[in-house]
């Protein structure tokens, strides 16, 4: 189903972007760019596997899952606990993603 693919894609995208962020903004060694690049390639590949009828719909539904995953990353990797507004915003986005993913579509 799409949700596990979206979760895996979100982890790959966030990890890849974080590797670039760590190199660019935090002064991490340039070898961080290699796993960052590979992670972003994995992200694109995983998102392309989503069994939806249109790329735009896949990207839209993925967006809600990405937002929630980014806040989990914020807490787990960066040690910053999301506040109630972060959580409320992510919940709204997840509801939107669920509407896109679970709505019945005509043939």
Protein backbone atom coordinates (compact mmCIF):
# COMPACT_ATOMS: atom_id res chain seq x y z
CA UNK A 1 0.00 0.00 0.00
CA UNK A 2 1.04 3.62 -0.36
CA UNK A 3 1.51 4.59 3.30
CA UNK A 4 4.57 2.36 3.98
CA UNK A 5 6.14 3.61 0.76
CA UNK A 6 5.47 7.20 1.76
CA UNK A 7 6.99 6.63 5.20
CA UNK A 8 10.11 5.07 3.69
CA UNK A 9 10.31 7.90 1.14
CA UNK A 10 9.98 10.50 3.89
CA UNK A 11 12.80 8.95 5.91
CA UNK A 12 15.01 8.82 2.81
CA UNK A 13 14.22 12.41 1.84
CA UNK A 14 14.72 13.83 5.31
CA UNK A 15 17.95 11.91 5.84
CA UNK A 16 19.27 13.02 2.44
CA UNK A 17 18.36 16.65 3.00
CA UNK A 18 19.77 16.54 6.51
CA UNK A 19 23.10 15.24 5.18
CA UNK A 20 23.31 18.27 2.88
CA UNK A 21 22.19 20.56 5.74
CA UNK A 22 24.85 19.10 8.03
CA UNK A 23 27.54 19.65 5.40
CA UNK A 24 26.43 23.13 4.36
CA UNK A 25 25.27 24.63 7.65
CA UNK A 26 26.97 22.59 10.37
CA UNK A 27 30.40 22.11 8.81
CA UNK A 28 30.19 18.33 8.50
CA UNK A 29 32.77 16.63 6.29
CA UNK A 30 32.08 16.60 2.56
CA UNK A 31 31.70 12.80 2.55
CA UNK A 32 28.24 13.42 4.06
CA UNK A 33 27.20 14.37 0.52
CA UNK A 34 27.56 10.80 -0.75
CA UNK A 35 24.98 9.16 1.55
CA UNK A 36 22.88 12.31 1.19
CA UNK A 37 22.78 11.93 -2.58
CA UNK A 38 22.07 8.19 -2.38
CA UNK A 39 19.30 8.81 0.12
CA UNK A 40 17.66 11.37 -2.17
CA UNK A 41 17.85 8.94 -5.09
CA UNK A 42 16.16 6.32 -2.88
CA UNK A 43 13.49 8.89 -1.98
CA UNK A 44 12.65 9.55 -5.63
CA UNK A 45 12.60 5.84 -6.45
CA UNK A 46 10.35 4.99 -3.50
CA UNK A 47 7.90 7.78 -4.26
CA UNK A 48 7.71 6.64 -7.89
CA UNK A 49 6.60 3.18 -6.68
CA UNK A 50 3.40 4.56 -5.11
CA UNK A 51 0.42 2.85 -6.77
CA UNK A 52 -1.64 5.98 -7.43
CA UNK A 53 -3.17 7.04 -10.72
CA UNK A 54 -1.38 10.40 -10.93
CA UNK A 55 2.01 11.69 -9.82
CA UNK A 56 0.51 14.90 -8.46
CA UNK A 57 -1.89 12.97 -6.27
CA UNK A 58 0.97 10.84 -4.96
CA UNK A 59 3.02 13.95 -4.16
CA UNK A 60 0.07 15.63 -2.44
CA UNK A 61 -0.70 12.63 -0.24
CA UNK A 62 3.00 12.16 0.49
CA UNK A 63 3.22 15.76 1.68
CA UNK A 64 1.10 15.11 4.75
CA UNK A 65 3.17 12.11 5.73
CA UNK A 66 6.38 14.04 5.09
CA UNK A 67 5.31 16.82 7.47
CA UNK A 68 4.63 14.37 10.29
CA UNK A 69 7.91 12.54 9.62
CA UNK A 70 9.84 15.82 9.63
CA UNK A 71 8.49 16.62 13.09
CA UNK A 72 9.45 13.15 14.32
CA UNK A 73 12.94 13.80 12.89
CA UNK A 74 13.00 17.18 14.67
CA UNK A 75 12.45 15.38 17.96
CA UNK A 76 14.51 12.21 17.42
CA UNK A 77 17.52 13.58 15.56
CA UNK A 78 17.66 17.21 16.61
CA UNK A 79 16.37 16.90 20.16
CA UNK A 80 13.68 19.56 19.74
CA UNK A 81 10.28 18.46 20.96
CA UNK A 82 7.41 19.51 18.67
CA UNK A 83 4.94 21.81 20.39
CA UNK A 84 1.16 21.55 20.30
CA UNK A 85 0.97 23.73 17.19
CA UNK A 86 3.41 21.46 15.36
CA UNK A 87 1.35 18.44 16.34
CA UNK A 88 -1.96 20.11 15.40
CA UNK A 89 -0.57 21.15 12.02
CA UNK A 90 0.77 17.66 11.33
CA UNK A 91 -2.57 16.12 12.32
CA UNK A 92 -4.40 18.41 9.90
CA UNK A 93 -1.96 17.44 7.15
CA UNK A 94 -2.38 13.73 7.89
CA UNK A 95 -6.15 14.09 7.65
CA UNK A 96 -5.68 15.76 4.29
CA UNK A 97 -3.38 12.97 3.12
CA UNK A 98 -5.93 10.39 4.27
CA UNK A 99 -8.70 12.13 2.30
CA UNK A 100 -6.54 12.01 -0.82
CA UNK A 101 -5.46 8.39 -0.31
CA UNK A 102 -8.71 6.86 0.89
CA UNK A 103 -11.35 8.68 -1.14
CA UNK A 104 -13.27 6.49 -3.58
CA UNK A 105 -12.44 7.38 -7.13
CA UNK A 106 -14.53 6.74 -10.21
CA UNK A 107 -13.19 4.49 -12.94
